[in-house]
Amino acid sequence: MATVWVNGEATEKISVYDRAFTYGDGLFATMAVDVAGKIQFLSCHLQRLQQGAARLGFHWHPSELLLSLLAETASRCPSHCLKLQLSRGNGGRGYTPPAEPQVTEVLSVNPLPAQYRTWQRQGITLQTSAVALARQPLLAGIKHLNRLEQVLIKRRPLPEGADDWLVYDTEANLLETSMANLFLITNNARGGWQALTPAINYAGVSGVMRQQVIMALLAMNIDVQVQAVRRDCLSRVSHLFISNSLCGVVDIIGVDSYRYQPWSLSSQLRQHLAIQL
């Protein structure tokens, strides 16, 4: 079967005038397909794409054709990942967008990265990146197509033993990793757990799994705070984990010279969300 579709057609061809190519003018979602061939949190992914398109200034709504293609592809490809990219479509020379854009939809399917199952079992180690994310509130939270900052982060080889980069913004606020959101776990005044996740008002991606994890933690009666996080927090927290739609929830066992134990409730959180690999 095909692995790439453009506007519902099995093809890898796209116009050189498409604004995804010329300006990175669009956004995308990466979605996990479970073992039963169902897309996890599909409605949340589609809702975030609609909201992101609105913030970029164009209208998009998933057609019945696209919904059917998503469902059919997922049913044929369990335990894979689907990537849905949207661009503002073709445009002429210059930055000014077309008044009535014809949105381009690109759907592709690939196997889930094999290491994510090992990550869930064993945890990962992070190394702080020398590349900081710029602060731009108009784009903060959106998973837009311009990922040049992430390219600059990932082009540098990781030190031996590290699995991903930990990323700050240009004001030295702790944000995320190169490909996942971040949660920090501490003990509250009552002797229970409290979760903290960095605010992304100025930079970073508001991941669908981040949203699901926040709701799951609240359902588990764990307080969740969303706020700016500074570097010194790493020396005070008890546990850390990352989240994204493909790896789910993964414990962090090391950041630079810091070492951590896996959180005792990580497995319960994965079970609550049905995201075990």
Protein backbone atom coordinates (compact mmCIF):
# COMPACT_ATOMS: atom_id res chain seq x y z
CA MET A 1 0.00 0.00 0.00
CA ALA A 2 1.00 3.63 -0.39
CA THR A 3 2.86 5.33 2.44
CA VAL A 4 2.34 8.97 1.38
CA TRP A 5 -0.82 10.76 0.26
CA VAL A 6 -1.16 14.36 -0.94
CA ASN A 7 -4.70 15.70 -0.77
CA GLY A 8 -6.00 12.15 -0.64
CA GLU A 9 -4.02 10.85 -3.65
CA ALA A 10 -1.24 8.28 -3.34
CA THR A 11 1.70 10.37 -4.52
CA GLU A 12 4.89 11.91 -3.21
CA LYS A 13 4.68 14.90 -5.57
CA ILE A 14 4.02 18.39 -4.28
CA SER A 15 4.36 21.78 -5.97
CA VAL A 16 7.62 23.70 -5.53
CA TYR A 17 5.37 26.74 -4.98
CA ASP A 18 3.70 25.18 -1.95
CA ARG A 19 4.23 27.47 1.03
CA ALA A 20 5.33 24.53 3.16
CA PHE A 21 8.40 24.36 0.92
CA THR A 22 8.96 28.08 0.40
CA TYR A 23 8.27 29.38 3.93
CA GLY A 24 7.45 26.52 6.29
CA ASP A 25 3.95 28.01 6.31
CA GLY A 26 1.88 25.33 7.98
CA LEU A 27 1.73 22.86 10.83
CA PHE A 28 1.68 19.13 11.54
CA ALA A 29 0.65 16.39 13.92
CA THR A 30 2.38 13.08 14.65
CA MET A 31 -0.05 10.41 15.82
CA ALA A 32 0.43 6.92 17.22
CA VAL A 33 -1.61 3.96 15.99
CA ASP A 34 -2.25 1.36 18.68
CA VAL A 35 -2.07 -2.42 18.30
CA ALA A 36 -5.77 -2.51 17.38
CA GLY A 37 -5.27 -0.13 14.46
CA LYS A 38 -6.86 2.92 16.12
CA ILE A 39 -5.29 6.38 16.22
CA GLN A 40 -4.72 7.45 19.80
CA PHE A 41 -6.34 10.78 20.78
CA LEU A 42 -7.31 11.52 17.17
CA SER A 43 -9.92 14.15 18.03
CA CYS A 44 -7.38 16.03 20.14
CA HIS A 45 -4.83 16.01 17.30
CA LEU A 46 -7.40 17.32 14.83
CA GLN A 47 -8.59 19.97 17.25
CA ARG A 48 -5.04 21.18 17.81
CA LEU A 49 -4.46 21.36 14.04
CA GLN A 50 -7.61 23.47 13.65
CA GLN A 51 -6.53 25.78 16.44
CA GLY A 52 -3.02 26.08 15.02
CA ALA A 53 -4.36 26.88 11.56
CA ALA A 54 -6.57 29.59 13.04
CA ARG A 55 -3.59 31.10 14.84
CA LEU A 56 -1.66 31.15 11.56
CA GLY A 57 -4.63 32.83 9.89
CA PHE A 58 -6.25 30.20 7.68
CA HIS A 59 -9.25 27.94 8.04
CA TRP A 60 -9.02 24.16 7.99
CA HIS A 61 -11.45 21.42 8.87
CA PRO A 62 -10.87 17.68 8.32
CA SER A 63 -12.93 16.42 5.40
CA GLU A 64 -14.77 13.10 5.38
CA LEU A 65 -12.28 11.92 2.76
CA LEU A 66 -9.36 12.66 5.08
CA LEU A 67 -11.07 11.07 8.08
CA SER A 68 -11.73 7.92 6.04
CA LEU A 69 -8.12 7.83 4.83
CA LEU A 70 -6.83 8.21 8.39
CA ALA A 71 -9.06 5.39 9.66
CA GLU A 72 -8.25 3.07 6.74
CA THR A 73 -4.50 3.68 6.98
CA ALA A 74 -4.48 3.14 10.74
CA SER A 75 -6.43 -0.10 10.45
CA ARG A 76 -3.84 -1.44 7.99
CA CYS A 77 -0.86 -0.19 9.99
CA PRO A 78 -1.18 -1.03 13.71
CA SER A 79 1.73 0.05 15.91
CA HIS A 80 2.85 2.65 13.38
CA CYS A 81 2.91 6.44 13.40
CA LEU A 82 0.97 8.74 11.10
CA LYS A 83 2.15 12.24 10.26
CA LEU A 84 -0.40 14.75 8.96
CA GLN A 85 1.07 17.95 7.54
CA LEU A 86 -0.98 20.99 6.54
CA SER A 87 0.29 23.93 4.54
CA ARG A 88 -1.39 27.11 3.38
CA GLY A 89 -1.06 25.69 -0.12
CA ASN A 90 0.45 27.23 -3.22
CA GLY A 91 1.43 30.88 -3.26
CA GLY A 92 3.30 33.22 -5.54
CA ARG A 93 6.54 34.98 -4.85
CA GLY A 94 6.68 36.95 -1.60
CA TYR A 95 5.67 36.43 2.01
CA THR A 96 2.12 37.74 1.65
CA PRO A 97 -0.24 34.74 1.94
CA PRO A 98 -3.04 34.13 -0.58
CA ALA A 99 -6.38 35.66 0.41
CA GLU A 100 -8.20 32.35 -0.12
CA PRO A 101 -5.66 29.56 0.44
CA GLN A 102 -6.23 26.02 -0.78
CA VAL A 103 -4.80 23.95 2.06
CA THR A 104 -2.44 21.12 1.15
CA GLU A 105 -2.77 17.94 3.23
CA VAL A 106 0.07 15.42 3.32
CA LEU A 107 -0.35 12.13 5.18
CA SER A 108 2.53 9.69 5.66
CA VAL A 109 2.98 6.47 7.64
CA ASN A 110 6.10 5.02 9.23
CA PRO A 111 6.96 2.37 11.86
CA LEU A 112 7.15 3.52 15.46
CA PRO A 113 10.79 4.09 16.51
CA ALA A 114 11.99 0.81 17.99
CA GLN A 115 13.83 2.43 20.89
CA TYR A 116 10.68 3.88 22.45
CA ARG A 117 9.68 0.55 23.98
CA THR A 118 13.11 0.30 25.61
CA TRP A 119 12.82 3.91 26.79
CA GLN A 120 9.57 3.15 28.59
CA ARG A 121 11.17 0.19 30.38
CA GLN A 122 14.56 1.68 31.24
CA GLY A 123 14.23 5.47 31.16
CA ILE A 124 16.49 7.92 29.35
CA THR A 125 19.34 10.33 30.01
CA LEU A 126 19.37 13.94 28.78
CA GLN A 127 22.17 16.36 27.99
CA THR A 128 21.63 20.13 27.96
CA SER A 129 21.71 21.59 24.46
CA ALA A 130 23.81 24.63 23.64
CA VAL A 131 21.03 25.75 21.27
CA ALA A 132 18.28 27.79 22.94
CA LEU A 133 14.77 28.34 21.58
CA ALA A 134 13.81 31.89 20.60
CA ARG A 135 10.83 33.47 22.37
CA GLN A 136 7.95 34.26 19.98
CA PRO A 137 4.51 34.31 21.62
CA LEU A 138 2.70 34.36 18.26
CA LEU A 139 4.08 30.89 17.49
CA ALA A 140 4.50 29.46 20.99
CA GLY A 141 2.69 26.15 21.44
CA ILE A 142 2.04 25.56 17.72
CA LYS A 143 3.63 22.54 16.07
CA HIS A 144 4.42 24.56 12.95
CA LEU A 145 6.40 23.34 9.97
CA ASN A 146 9.43 25.54 10.59
CA ARG A 147 11.55 23.27 12.79
CA LEU A 148 14.96 24.82 12.03
CA GLU A 149 15.73 25.29 15.71
CA GLN A 150 15.16 21.58 16.30
CA VAL A 151 17.32 20.78 13.26
CA LEU A 152 20.15 22.84 14.76
CA ILE A 153 19.69 21.03 18.09
CA LYS A 154 19.67 17.55 16.55
CA ARG A 155 22.53 18.10 14.09
CA ARG A 156 24.97 17.97 16.99
CA PRO A 157 25.90 14.42 18.01
CA LEU A 158 24.76 13.43 21.49
CA PRO A 159 27.45 12.50 24.03
CA GLU A 160 27.82 8.80 24.69
CA GLY A 161 25.08 7.55 26.99
CA ALA A 162 22.67 10.43 26.30
CA ASP A 163 19.36 9.82 24.52
CA ASP A 164 18.08 13.33 23.83
CA TRP A 165 18.78 17.01 24.33
CA LEU A 166 17.29 19.13 27.12
CA VAL A 167 16.35 22.56 25.77
CA TYR A 168 16.03 26.02 27.35
CA ASP A 169 14.78 29.26 25.85
CA THR A 170 16.92 32.36 25.34
CA GLU A 171 15.94 33.62 28.82
CA ALA A 172 17.30 30.40 30.44
CA ASN A 173 13.87 28.95 31.17
CA LEU A 174 13.70 25.16 31.07
CA LEU A 175 11.24 24.17 28.30
CA GLU A 176 11.31 20.67 26.81
CA THR A 177 13.53 18.18 25.05
CA SER A 178 14.21 18.25 21.33
CA MET A 179 11.10 16.12 20.74
CA ALA A 180 9.00 15.91 23.91
CA ASN A 181 7.40 17.87 26.72
CA LEU A 182 8.76 17.76 30.24
CA PHE A 183 7.26 17.06 33.68
CA LEU A 184 8.98 17.47 37.06
CA ILE A 185 7.72 15.67 40.18
CA THR A 186 8.18 16.90 43.75
CA ASN A 187 6.64 16.22 47.16
CA ASN A 188 4.01 18.72 48.30
CA ALA A 189 3.46 20.05 51.83
CA ARG A 190 0.96 17.25 52.58
CA GLY A 191 3.43 14.51 51.74
CA GLY A 192 1.86 13.70 48.36
CA TRP A 193 3.07 14.24 44.84
CA GLN A 194 3.01 17.49 42.86
CA ALA A 195 3.73 17.77 39.14
CA LEU A 196 5.23 20.79 37.41
CA THR A 197 5.40 21.33 33.66
CA PRO A 198 7.07 24.33 32.02
CA ALA A 199 4.86 27.13 30.73
CA ILE A 200 5.11 27.55 26.96
CA ASN A 201 3.70 31.06 26.56
CA TYR A 202 6.77 32.25 24.65
CA ALA A 203 8.36 29.15 23.11
CA GLY A 204 7.95 25.38 22.84
CA VAL A 205 5.26 22.99 21.66
CA SER A 206 1.97 22.28 23.40
CA GLY A 207 1.90 18.54 22.82
CA VAL A 208 -1.30 16.51 22.67
CA MET A 209 0.21 13.97 25.08
CA ARG A 210 1.14 16.81 27.44
CA GLN A 211 -2.54 17.75 27.59
CA GLN A 212 -3.55 14.12 28.19
CA VAL A 213 -0.93 13.70 30.93
CA ILE A 214 -2.11 16.82 32.75
CA MET A 215 -5.70 15.58 32.75
CA ALA A 216 -4.62 12.08 33.84
CA LEU A 217 -2.53 13.44 36.72
CA LEU A 218 -5.45 15.52 37.95
CA ALA A 219 -7.67 12.43 37.75
CA MET A 220 -5.08 10.66 39.92
CA ASN A 221 -5.46 13.48 42.50
CA ILE A 222 -2.01 14.88 41.75
CA ASP A 223 -1.69 18.65 41.74
CA VAL A 224 -0.31 20.06 38.47
CA GLN A 225 1.37 23.46 38.17
CA VAL A 226 2.16 25.14 34.83
CA GLN A 227 4.78 27.83 35.27
CA ALA A 228 8.22 29.09 34.32
CA VAL A 229 10.97 26.67 35.39
CA ARG A 230 14.56 27.67 36.02
CA ARG A 231 17.69 25.53 35.85
CA ASP A 232 18.05 25.21 39.64
CA CYS A 233 14.81 23.21 39.79
CA LEU A 234 16.76 20.19 38.55
CA SER A 235 18.55 19.97 41.89
CA ARG A 236 15.29 20.03 43.90
CA VAL A 237 12.92 17.67 42.08
CA SER A 238 12.44 14.02 42.96
CA HIS A 239 11.61 12.66 39.51
CA LEU A 240 11.27 13.77 35.90
CA PHE A 241 9.62 12.34 32.81
CA ILE A 242 8.95 13.29 29.21
CA SER A 243 5.81 12.89 27.15
CA ASN A 244 4.97 12.84 23.48
CA SER A 245 2.45 11.08 21.27
CA LEU A 246 4.82 8.34 20.10
CA CYS A 247 6.94 7.43 23.13
CA GLY A 248 4.10 8.09 25.60
CA VAL A 249 5.51 8.68 29.09
CA VAL A 250 9.22 7.98 29.69
CA ASP A 251 11.15 8.46 32.94
CA ILE A 252 14.31 10.57 32.96
CA ILE A 253 17.09 8.92 34.95
CA GLY A 254 19.77 11.51 34.30
CA VAL A 255 20.26 15.14 33.22
CA ASP A 256 23.88 16.22 32.82
CA SER A 257 25.44 15.37 36.22
CA TYR A 258 22.10 14.85 38.01
CA ARG A 259 20.71 11.35 38.57
CA TYR A 260 17.09 10.39 39.29
CA GLN A 261 15.06 7.30 40.09
CA PRO A 262 12.05 6.38 37.92
CA TRP A 263 8.79 7.69 39.36
CA SER A 264 6.75 5.01 41.12
CA LEU A 265 3.55 6.15 39.36
CA SER A 266 4.87 6.28 35.78
CA SER A 267 3.56 2.81 34.98
CA GLN A 268 0.16 3.66 36.49
CA LEU A 269 0.06 6.83 34.39
CA ARG A 270 0.79 4.87 31.21
CA GLN A 271 -1.91 2.35 32.10
CA HIS A 272 -4.39 5.16 32.77
CA LEU A 273 -3.72 6.56 29.29
CA ALA A 274 -3.38 3.13 27.60
CA ILE A 275 -0.03 4.10 26.08
CA GLN A 276 2.19 1.16 27.12
CA LEU A 277 4.51 -0.02 24.38
